[in-house]
Protein backbone atom coordinates (compact mmCIF):
# COMPACT_ATOMS: atom_id res chain seq x y z
CA UNK A 1 55.85 -16.47 -46.24
CA UNK A 2 54.76 -18.92 -43.99
CA UNK A 3 51.26 -17.40 -44.02
CA UNK A 4 50.93 -16.99 -47.85
CA UNK A 5 52.13 -20.70 -48.21
CA UNK A 6 49.51 -22.02 -45.73
CA UNK A 7 46.80 -19.56 -47.48
CA UNK A 8 47.55 -21.25 -51.31
CA UNK A 9 47.32 -24.69 -49.64
CA UNK A 10 44.20 -24.18 -48.39
CA UNK A 11 43.08 -22.95 -51.64
CA UNK A 12 44.19 -25.98 -53.67
CA UNK A 13 42.82 -28.12 -50.89
CA UNK A 14 39.31 -26.07 -51.62
CA UNK A 15 39.67 -26.84 -55.38
CA UNK A 16 40.58 -30.22 -55.28
CA UNK A 17 37.59 -31.26 -53.31
CA UNK A 18 35.23 -29.26 -55.20
CA UNK A 19 36.84 -30.77 -58.34
CA UNK A 20 36.65 -34.39 -56.74
CA UNK A 21 32.63 -33.43 -56.17
CA UNK A 22 32.19 -32.24 -59.41
CA UNK A 23 33.25 -35.52 -60.65
CA UNK A 24 31.35 -37.76 -58.20
CA UNK A 25 28.34 -36.22 -59.19
CA UNK A 26 28.70 -36.38 -62.93
CA UNK A 27 29.14 -39.67 -62.22
CA UNK A 28 26.10 -40.79 -60.37
CA UNK A 29 24.40 -39.09 -63.73
CA UNK A 30 22.37 -42.20 -64.93
CA UNK A 31 23.94 -43.03 -68.22
CA UNK A 32 22.29 -46.63 -68.64
CA UNK A 33 19.03 -47.79 -67.17
CA UNK A 34 19.26 -51.06 -64.50
CA UNK A 35 19.46 -54.10 -66.18
CA UNK A 36 15.95 -56.09 -65.85
CA UNK A 37 13.97 -52.80 -65.37
CA UNK A 38 13.00 -51.90 -68.64
CA UNK A 39 12.57 -53.81 -71.72
CA UNK A 40 12.49 -52.49 -75.00
CA UNK A 41 11.95 -55.51 -77.49
CA UNK A 42 11.02 -53.79 -80.90
CA UNK A 43 11.43 -56.48 -83.44
CA UNK A 44 11.51 -53.90 -86.14
CA UNK A 45 13.11 -50.46 -85.89
CA UNK A 46 11.55 -48.08 -88.04
CA UNK A 47 13.58 -45.65 -90.31
CA UNK A 48 14.67 -42.25 -88.93
CA UNK A 49 11.89 -39.34 -89.62
CA UNK A 50 13.16 -36.28 -89.51
CA UNK A 51 12.35 -34.20 -86.77
CA UNK A 52 9.85 -31.63 -87.04
CA UNK A 53 10.20 -27.86 -85.37
CA UNK A 54 7.63 -28.97 -82.67
CA UNK A 55 9.73 -31.90 -81.50
CA UNK A 56 12.93 -29.44 -81.85
CA UNK A 57 11.51 -26.91 -79.40
CA UNK A 58 10.54 -29.71 -76.79
CA UNK A 59 13.70 -31.19 -76.70
CA UNK A 60 15.57 -27.79 -76.62
CA UNK A 61 13.13 -27.29 -73.17
CA UNK A 62 13.68 -30.53 -71.97
CA UNK A 63 17.46 -30.36 -72.18
CA UNK A 64 17.61 -26.61 -70.73
CA UNK A 65 15.50 -27.97 -67.97
CA UNK A 66 17.31 -31.02 -66.80
CA UNK A 67 20.20 -28.88 -65.64
CA UNK A 68 22.24 -30.24 -62.91
CA UNK A 69 23.96 -28.88 -59.68
CA UNK A 70 26.80 -26.50 -61.02
CA UNK A 71 25.29 -26.01 -64.48
CA UNK A 72 26.06 -29.66 -65.63
CA UNK A 73 23.78 -31.29 -67.91
CA UNK A 74 22.06 -34.70 -67.25
CA UNK A 75 20.75 -37.13 -69.88
CA UNK A 76 17.10 -36.35 -71.13
CA UNK A 77 14.96 -39.73 -71.63
CA UNK A 78 13.85 -39.26 -75.11
CA UNK A 79 10.51 -38.55 -76.13
CA UNK A 80 7.73 -41.08 -76.54
CA UNK A 81 8.07 -40.34 -80.18
CA UNK A 82 11.17 -41.43 -79.90
CA UNK A 83 11.49 -44.84 -78.64
CA UNK A 84 11.37 -46.92 -81.48
CA UNK A 85 13.97 -44.68 -83.04
CA UNK A 86 17.61 -45.30 -83.05
CA UNK A 87 18.47 -41.65 -83.23
CA UNK A 88 18.12 -39.26 -80.26
CA UNK A 89 16.29 -35.49 -80.86
CA UNK A 90 18.00 -33.42 -82.32
CA UNK A 91 18.43 -30.66 -79.26
CA UNK A 92 20.02 -33.75 -76.88
CA UNK A 93 22.60 -35.03 -79.64
CA UNK A 94 23.82 -31.48 -79.46
CA UNK A 95 24.55 -31.57 -76.10
CA UNK A 96 25.30 -34.85 -74.45
CA UNK A 97 24.92 -38.57 -75.94
CA UNK A 98 21.79 -40.53 -74.95
CA UNK A 99 21.20 -43.02 -72.31
CA UNK A 100 20.57 -46.56 -73.88
CA UNK A 101 17.18 -47.24 -72.59
CA UNK A 102 14.72 -44.97 -70.90
CA UNK A 103 14.51 -44.49 -67.11
CA UNK A 104 12.21 -46.81 -65.30
CA UNK A 105 8.91 -44.82 -63.88
CA UNK A 106 7.55 -45.67 -60.32
CA UNK A 107 8.37 -49.63 -60.92
CA UNK A 108 6.85 -49.90 -64.30
CA UNK A 109 8.37 -50.58 -67.59
CA UNK A 110 7.80 -49.19 -70.56
CA UNK A 111 7.77 -51.50 -73.32
CA UNK A 112 6.10 -51.15 -76.77
CA UNK A 113 4.71 -54.22 -78.52
CA UNK A 114 5.50 -53.88 -81.84
CA UNK A 115 3.43 -56.15 -84.51
CA UNK A 116 5.66 -56.91 -87.12
CA UNK A 117 2.58 -56.98 -89.18
CA UNK A 118 1.58 -53.43 -88.62
CA UNK A 119 3.45 -50.64 -90.26
CA UNK A 120 5.89 -48.98 -88.12
CA UNK A 121 4.70 -45.86 -86.22
CA UNK A 122 6.43 -42.49 -86.10
CA UNK A 123 4.45 -41.20 -83.01
CA UNK A 124 3.81 -43.52 -80.28
CA UNK A 125 1.37 -40.32 -78.30
CA UNK A 126 -1.95 -39.03 -79.69
CA UNK A 127 -2.74 -35.77 -78.60
CA UNK A 128 -4.11 -36.48 -74.95
CA UNK A 129 -0.54 -37.67 -74.10
CA UNK A 130 -1.11 -40.98 -73.52
CA UNK A 131 1.12 -44.10 -74.00
CA UNK A 132 0.23 -46.64 -76.61
CA UNK A 133 1.52 -50.32 -75.79
CA UNK A 134 1.44 -52.63 -72.69
CA UNK A 135 2.47 -51.47 -69.21
CA UNK A 136 3.43 -54.36 -67.33
CA UNK A 137 4.37 -53.93 -63.64
CA UNK A 138 7.80 -56.29 -62.89
CA UNK A 139 7.46 -55.38 -59.19
CA UNK A 140 4.53 -56.02 -56.94
CA UNK A 141 3.22 -52.72 -55.69
CA UNK A 142 0.81 -51.53 -53.27
CA UNK A 143 -2.32 -52.94 -53.12
CA UNK A 144 -4.64 -50.92 -55.36
CA UNK A 145 -8.26 -49.85 -53.04
CA UNK A 146 -11.16 -51.55 -53.60
CA UNK A 147 -12.97 -49.72 -56.35
CA UNK A 148 -15.96 -47.29 -54.69
CA UNK A 149 -19.44 -48.34 -55.64
CA UNK A 150 -21.69 -46.04 -57.68
CA UNK A 151 -24.37 -45.70 -54.83
CA UNK A 152 -23.37 -45.73 -51.66
CA UNK A 153 -26.82 -47.27 -50.69
CA UNK A 154 -25.92 -50.46 -52.00
CA UNK A 155 -22.82 -50.59 -49.34
CA UNK A 156 -24.39 -49.56 -46.60
CA UNK A 157 -24.74 -52.05 -44.12
CA UNK A 158 -28.83 -53.44 -43.68
CA UNK A 159 -30.07 -51.65 -39.84
CA UNK A 160 -32.71 -53.32 -38.31
CA UNK A 161 -35.90 -50.54 -38.14
CA UNK A 162 -36.79 -50.41 -34.14
CA UNK A 163 -40.10 -51.90 -33.37
CA UNK A 164 -43.02 -49.39 -33.94
CA UNK A 165 -45.30 -48.04 -31.09
CA UNK A 166 -48.57 -48.69 -31.29
CA UNK A 167 -51.25 -46.29 -31.98
CA UNK A 168 -53.37 -47.49 -28.89
CA UNK A 169 -51.83 -48.13 -25.43
CA UNK A 170 -54.49 -51.46 -25.53
CA UNK A 171 -52.43 -53.27 -27.83
CA UNK A 172 -50.02 -53.79 -25.05
CA UNK A 173 -52.68 -55.96 -23.01
CA UNK A 174 -51.99 -58.78 -25.64
CA UNK A 175 -48.38 -59.20 -24.37
CA UNK A 176 -49.00 -59.28 -20.91
CA UNK A 177 -48.36 -62.75 -19.04
CA UNK A 178 -51.39 -64.65 -17.83
CA UNK A 179 -52.54 -63.68 -14.24
CA UNK A 180 -50.57 -65.82 -11.53
CA UNK A 181 -52.82 -67.36 -8.95
CA UNK A 182 -50.22 -68.01 -6.37
CA UNK A 183 -49.21 -64.56 -5.45
CA UNK A 184 -52.31 -62.65 -4.10
CA UNK A 185 -53.38 -62.55 -0.56
CA UNK A 186 -56.39 -64.16 0.80
CA UNK A 187 -59.84 -62.14 -0.36
CA UNK A 188 -57.46 -59.59 -2.05
CA UNK A 189 -58.37 -58.90 -5.67
CA UNK A 190 -56.24 -58.18 -8.64
CA UNK A 191 -56.07 -54.96 -9.97
CA UNK A 192 -55.23 -53.76 -13.45
CA UNK A 193 -52.03 -52.23 -14.66
CA UNK A 194 -50.03 -53.93 -11.47
CA UNK A 195 -48.56 -56.74 -13.43
CA UNK A 196 -45.18 -56.57 -15.08
CA UNK A 197 -45.13 -56.79 -19.23
CA UNK A 198 -44.40 -60.33 -20.82
CA UNK A 199 -41.67 -59.04 -23.21
CA UNK A 200 -40.45 -61.59 -25.19
CA UNK A 201 -37.07 -63.39 -24.24
CA UNK A 202 -35.57 -66.14 -22.39
CA UNK A 203 -37.61 -67.67 -20.23
CA UNK A 204 -36.92 -66.51 -16.14
CA UNK A 205 -38.12 -66.55 -12.78
CA UNK A 206 -41.06 -64.19 -12.49
CA UNK A 207 -40.45 -61.84 -9.88
CA UNK A 208 -42.73 -61.54 -6.33
CA UNK A 209 -45.39 -58.98 -6.84
CA UNK A 210 -46.11 -56.32 -4.17
CA UNK A 211 -48.78 -56.96 -2.12
CA UNK A 212 -51.89 -54.84 -3.44
CA UNK A 213 -52.80 -51.52 -1.52
CA UNK A 214 -56.47 -51.86 -0.56
CA UNK A 215 -58.68 -48.70 -0.94
CA UNK A 216 -59.60 -48.13 2.77
CA UNK A 217 -56.63 -47.73 5.06
CA UNK A 218 -58.83 -47.96 8.07
CA UNK A 219 -60.38 -51.35 6.90
CA UNK A 220 -56.91 -52.99 7.97
CA UNK A 221 -56.72 -55.18 10.92
CA UNK A 222 -54.21 -53.60 13.72
CA UNK A 223 -50.46 -55.11 13.31
CA UNK A 224 -50.43 -58.17 16.15
CA UNK A 225 -47.96 -56.35 19.06
CA UNK A 226 -44.74 -58.75 19.50
CA UNK A 227 -44.57 -59.93 22.41
CA UNK A 228 -41.55 -59.08 24.82
CA UNK A 229 -38.74 -61.29 24.77
CA UNK A 230 -37.87 -62.51 27.95
CA UNK A 231 -33.83 -63.01 28.40
CA UNK A 232 -32.46 -66.36 27.12
CA UNK A 233 -31.62 -68.48 30.37
CA UNK A 234 -28.01 -69.54 30.78
CA UNK A 235 -27.81 -73.17 29.65
CA UNK A 236 -24.94 -73.38 32.04
CA UNK A 237 -26.58 -72.20 35.00
CA UNK A 238 -28.35 -74.50 37.56
CA UNK A 239 -32.19 -74.94 37.30
CA UNK A 240 -32.13 -73.23 34.05
CA UNK A 241 -31.98 -69.53 36.06
CA UNK A 242 -31.15 -66.63 34.05
CA UNK A 243 -27.76 -64.97 33.26
CA UNK A 244 -27.41 -62.17 35.07
CA UNK A 245 -26.90 -58.67 33.17
CA UNK A 246 -23.68 -56.94 32.52
CA UNK A 247 -23.94 -53.94 35.35
CA UNK A 248 -24.62 -50.90 33.42
CA UNK A 249 -21.64 -47.89 33.34
CA UNK A 250 -22.16 -45.23 35.86
CA UNK A 251 -20.98 -41.70 35.54
CA UNK A 252 -18.08 -40.79 38.13
CA UNK A 253 -17.51 -37.56 39.27
CA UNK A 254 -14.93 -35.31 37.73
CA UNK A 255 -12.10 -34.86 40.05
CA UNK A 256 -11.81 -31.44 41.87
CA UNK A 257 -8.73 -30.70 40.14
CA UNK A 258 -10.01 -31.74 36.51
CA UNK A 259 -11.20 -28.45 35.60
CA UNK A 260 -9.66 -25.09 36.16
CA UNK A 261 -11.29 -22.62 38.26
CA UNK A 262 -11.90 -19.28 35.97
CA UNK A 263 -9.17 -16.83 37.31
CA UNK A 264 -10.99 -14.04 39.07
CA UNK A 265 -11.55 -10.43 37.72
CA UNK A 266 -9.47 -7.77 39.84
CA UNK A 267 -10.06 -4.03 39.67
CA UNK A 268 -9.14 -0.79 41.09
CA UNK A 269 -10.34 -0.79 44.84
CA UNK A 270 -9.84 -4.19 45.61
CA UNK A 271 -7.96 -4.61 48.87
CA UNK A 272 -4.17 -5.00 48.51
CA UNK A 273 -1.72 -7.17 50.37
CA UNK A 274 2.04 -6.62 49.52
CA UNK A 275 5.03 -9.07 49.84
CA UNK A 276 8.72 -8.68 49.20
CA UNK A 277 11.56 -11.84 49.19
CA UNK A 278 15.07 -10.29 49.07
CA UNK A 279 17.01 -13.55 48.02
CA UNK A 280 14.79 -13.94 45.31
CA UNK A 281 14.44 -10.06 44.36
CA UNK A 282 10.41 -10.90 44.06
CA UNK A 283 7.40 -8.49 45.22
CA UNK A 284 4.24 -10.24 44.98
CA UNK A 285 0.78 -8.04 44.90
CA UNK A 286 -1.89 -9.58 46.08
CA UNK A 287 -5.49 -8.74 45.59
CA UNK A 288 -8.60 -9.29 47.58
CA UNK A 289 -11.72 -11.10 45.74
CA UNK A 290 -14.60 -13.51 46.79
CA UNK A 291 -12.72 -12.74 50.79
CA UNK A 292 -10.13 -14.71 49.70
CA UNK A 293 -6.30 -12.76 48.56
CA UNK A 294 -5.26 -13.80 45.39
CA UNK A 295 -1.87 -13.36 43.54
CA UNK A 296 -2.47 -10.46 41.30
CA UNK A 297 1.27 -10.53 39.78
CA UNK A 298 5.02 -10.77 40.92
CA UNK A 299 7.10 -7.84 39.93
CA UNK A 300 11.15 -7.95 39.76
CA UNK A 301 12.91 -6.26 42.30
CA UNK A 302 15.28 -3.88 40.39
CA UNK A 303 17.49 -3.21 43.32
CA UNK A 304 17.76 -3.42 46.96
CA UNK A 305 20.39 -3.24 49.57
CA UNK A 306 22.95 -4.46 52.20
CA UNK A 307 22.16 -8.57 52.61
CA UNK A 308 20.08 -10.98 54.22
CA UNK A 309 19.03 -9.88 58.08
CA UNK A 310 16.98 -6.69 59.21
CA UNK A 311 17.47 -2.90 59.42
CA UNK A 312 19.17 -2.42 62.54
CA UNK A 313 20.38 1.19 62.78
CA UNK A 314 20.44 4.30 60.28
CA UNK A 315 22.60 4.47 57.65
CA UNK A 316 23.85 1.07 57.82
CA UNK A 317 22.53 0.31 54.49
CA UNK A 318 20.45 -2.59 55.10
CA UNK A 319 17.06 -3.29 53.79
CA UNK A 320 14.43 -4.04 56.75
CA UNK A 321 12.53 -7.45 57.03
CA UNK A 322 9.46 -7.72 59.49
CA UNK A 323 6.03 -7.15 59.49
CA UNK A 324 4.71 -3.41 58.26
CA UNK A 325 1.68 -1.47 57.45
CA UNK A 326 0.94 1.33 55.27
CA UNK A 327 -1.73 4.23 55.35
CA UNK A 328 -2.50 7.16 53.25
CA UNK A 329 -0.12 9.47 54.98
CA UNK A 330 2.83 7.28 53.80
CA UNK A 331 1.96 7.81 50.12
CA UNK A 332 4.24 10.37 48.04
CA UNK A 333 3.01 10.34 44.39
CA UNK A 334 5.74 13.00 43.89
CA UNK A 335 8.60 11.25 45.00
CA UNK A 336 12.35 12.25 43.57
CA UNK A 337 12.05 8.12 42.32
CA UNK A 338 8.85 8.86 40.51
CA UNK A 339 6.10 7.35 42.92
CA UNK A 340 6.71 5.79 46.21
CA UNK A 341 4.89 4.73 49.55
CA UNK A 342 6.77 4.15 52.66
CA UNK A 343 6.56 0.98 54.16
CA UNK A 344 6.70 2.05 58.04
CA UNK A 345 10.02 1.83 59.11
CA UNK A 346 10.80 1.18 61.93
CA UNK A 347 7.57 -0.23 63.20
CA UNK A 348 6.75 -0.62 66.83
CA UNK A 349 8.86 -3.93 67.01
CA UNK A 350 11.79 -1.80 65.73
CA UNK A 351 11.30 0.48 68.44
CA UNK A 352 11.06 -1.77 71.05
CA UNK A 353 14.21 -3.15 69.98
CA UNK A 354 16.21 -0.33 69.63
CA UNK A 355 16.36 -0.02 66.07
CA UNK A 356 17.03 3.44 64.47
CA UNK A 357 16.77 4.89 61.10
CA UNK A 358 13.92 5.92 58.53
CA UNK A 359 12.64 6.69 54.94
CA UNK A 360 12.64 3.04 53.65
CA UNK A 361 10.58 3.48 50.35
CA UNK A 362 9.23 1.27 47.86
CA UNK A 363 9.87 3.70 44.81
CA UNK A 364 10.76 4.03 41.16
CA UNK A 365 13.97 4.19 38.93
CA UNK A 366 16.64 1.57 39.67
CA UNK A 367 18.59 2.48 42.71
CA UNK A 368 18.70 2.15 46.26
CA UNK A 369 20.39 3.15 49.60
CA UNK A 370 18.14 0.85 51.91
CA UNK A 371 14.78 1.11 49.74
CA UNK A 372 13.25 -1.30 47.15
CA UNK A 373 13.30 0.17 43.62
CA UNK A 374 10.91 -1.00 41.57
CA UNK A 375 11.36 0.80 38.32
CA UNK A 376 9.44 3.49 37.00
CA UNK A 377 7.05 1.40 34.88
CA UNK A 378 6.77 -1.18 37.50
CA UNK A 379 6.06 1.27 40.57
CA UNK A 380 3.33 2.61 38.65
CA UNK A 381 1.06 -0.20 38.54
CA UNK A 382 1.67 -1.15 42.22
CA UNK A 383 1.27 2.10 43.42
CA UNK A 384 -1.92 2.62 41.56
CA UNK A 385 -3.25 -0.48 43.11
CA UNK A 386 -2.14 0.73 46.32
CA UNK A 387 -3.92 3.83 46.42
CA UNK A 388 -6.98 2.76 44.77
CA UNK A 389 -7.54 0.49 47.67
CA UNK A 390 -6.40 3.03 50.20
CA UNK A 391 -9.27 5.54 48.71
CA UNK A 392 -11.99 2.77 48.84
CA UNK A 393 -11.71 2.28 52.22
CA UNK A 394 -8.91 -0.38 53.17
CA UNK A 395 -7.69 1.43 56.65
CA UNK A 396 -4.04 -0.17 56.30
CA UNK A 397 -2.14 -2.33 53.73
CA UNK A 398 -0.14 -4.92 54.93
CA UNK A 399 3.73 -5.29 53.45
CA UNK A 400 5.39 -8.47 54.84
CA UNK A 401 8.99 -8.65 54.53
CA UNK A 402 10.98 -11.53 54.30
CA UNK A 403 14.52 -12.52 53.60
CA UNK A 404 14.08 -15.38 51.28
CA UNK A 405 10.71 -18.04 51.09
CA UNK A 406 10.52 -19.30 54.72
CA UNK A 407 10.67 -22.67 54.89
CA UNK A 408 12.36 -24.42 57.47
CA UNK A 409 15.34 -25.85 54.47
CA UNK A 410 16.02 -22.26 53.52
CA UNK A 411 16.43 -21.41 57.32
CA UNK A 412 18.84 -24.03 58.02
CA UNK A 413 20.50 -23.13 55.15
CA UNK A 414 21.17 -19.99 55.76
CA UNK A 415 21.90 -19.98 59.63
CA UNK A 416 24.92 -22.55 59.27
CA UNK A 417 23.01 -26.10 59.27
CA UNK A 418 23.75 -26.18 55.78
CA UNK A 419 26.81 -27.45 53.40
CA UNK A 420 27.68 -23.33 53.47
CA UNK A 421 29.48 -24.14 57.05
CA UNK A 422 32.00 -26.42 55.17
CA UNK A 423 32.78 -23.80 52.24
CA UNK A 424 33.02 -20.97 54.84
CA UNK A 425 29.81 -18.75 53.34
CA UNK A 426 28.26 -16.35 54.98
CA UNK A 427 26.34 -17.37 58.36
CA UNK A 428 23.00 -15.95 59.52
CA UNK A 429 23.17 -17.80 62.70
CA UNK A 430 22.53 -14.64 64.90
CA UNK A 431 18.95 -14.25 62.96
CA UNK A 432 18.03 -17.76 63.25
CA UNK A 433 15.16 -17.07 66.33
CA UNK A 434 13.83 -14.00 64.35
CA UNK A 435 13.66 -15.85 61.16
CA UNK A 436 11.57 -18.49 62.74
CA UNK A 437 9.58 -15.88 64.17
CA UNK A 438 8.60 -14.14 61.07
CA UNK A 439 7.45 -17.97 59.77
CA UNK A 440 4.85 -18.17 62.11
CA UNK A 441 3.33 -15.40 59.79
CA UNK A 442 4.51 -16.19 56.84
CA UNK A 443 2.94 -20.20 57.49
CA UNK A 444 -0.47 -18.18 59.15
CA UNK A 445 -0.65 -16.49 55.51
CA UNK A 446 -0.09 -19.73 53.59
CA UNK A 447 -2.79 -21.94 55.35
CA UNK A 448 -5.79 -19.35 55.57
CA UNK A 449 -5.04 -16.90 52.68
CA UNK A 450 -5.20 -13.98 54.65
CA UNK A 451 -2.50 -12.20 56.35
CA UNK A 452 -2.61 -12.31 59.93
CA UNK A 453 -2.60 -9.28 62.15
CA UNK A 454 0.72 -8.61 63.78
CA UNK A 455 1.61 -7.49 67.37
CA UNK A 456 4.91 -6.11 68.65
CA UNK A 457 5.80 -7.83 72.09
CA UNK A 458 9.44 -6.76 73.13
CA UNK A 459 11.36 -9.51 71.15
CA UNK A 460 9.03 -10.85 69.46
CA UNK A 461 6.28 -10.79 67.22
CA UNK A 462 2.83 -12.05 67.68
CA UNK A 463 -0.50 -12.79 66.25
CA UNK A 464 -4.22 -12.89 66.40
CA UNK A 465 -5.09 -12.33 70.07
CA UNK A 466 -2.12 -10.97 72.20
CA UNK A 467 -1.57 -9.34 75.69
CA UNK A 468 -1.98 -6.17 76.65
CA UNK A 469 1.59 -5.07 76.75
CA UNK A 470 1.94 -5.70 73.16
CA UNK A 471 1.54 -3.13 70.81
CA UNK A 472 -0.55 -3.53 67.23
CA UNK A 473 1.80 -3.13 63.89
CA UNK A 474 -0.02 -0.19 62.33
CA UNK A 475 0.57 2.74 59.72
CA UNK A 476 0.89 6.47 60.61
């Protein structure tokens, strides 16, 4: 029930709104012309005349065409035939009442001036549909445009004609200004055609003329050479002495370290030198070029066994330290660890000091029991240079194995002279003399760039010349 009541209420509201809108539109229809807009002041009203068949048909068509919104009809203004009549056409009287006055047309009021001396007229229009009478404007409309001239030539502005070009260019000579007499060089003659034309206009300063070009350039006198200008004397200098010139900048030689030397081009077959540092885990490959060894590449040591200090006996799982040498007999291209070469332990020094063991290799993979494992990729490059050098004629390849970089600070640190003695770290004091002996060969290479020749002399190594009792370290 509530829903039905709501629907009925909405329908009632809609009908009421529709009726109100219709009433509002009907109220807006022009019932009467506004006051002051039109004025019909007939002095005499003509008697009504019965409408003809044509007037009735036109009135009916007008009434049918003026239907408003929702089928409502609006008041139709009387035709010009009925302006002076008090009765509306029959078609209009049958539908709705006429307005009291005709509506205003575009701000103009239609007034029919009826002269009492003239007989009443029944029709105020002729066959062309034009109004008779006076049409007066009640309000000022927009200004009218000026009348268009009959011919455009009458209104066109007069344009001055351009000056005529003379038929003969010689006529321009009459416009030339009188030739000046103060602008010529001594002995020069005026040549025609070089002077500017004197054009009409405000007088201004005359432009200077360029010097006349002689007919023969060879007849020109040689230009005087300007004398060299002496340096101006310094006014502050005593006895008018000349001011000293500033010293010119001199080029200074570049320092020795300004340019980096071009790295040498290494190749297979160059002499080889190998250094190994246990603590740093590095293997340095040096190649000789131009009479000196240069560092070619530093390879990381993947694995070495034991701790710092030399190898003393077999199966102590310790990597050796000292000066060794590799010959072609120590190469093993078919090792269980890809490729390998024997460092030559024990050497003459190890044998003189009773050290035992053997088969200490530099090989591939990353497993070590006293050897230096360099991975397969690393040993392939190292082994290639070692083999090529031996094939190229190098007799032995020196291999120097150190516990660390042989500096005094490192030796003091590892032998108990540093802070490790206070924290209870491992002490290698027993190897202090041995390491300092190794440092001698290390320093010689750092100074000369050439690996020294090592000799085993009992409890120490000697380098260079040695006693007859010493034995040279060499490969097999």
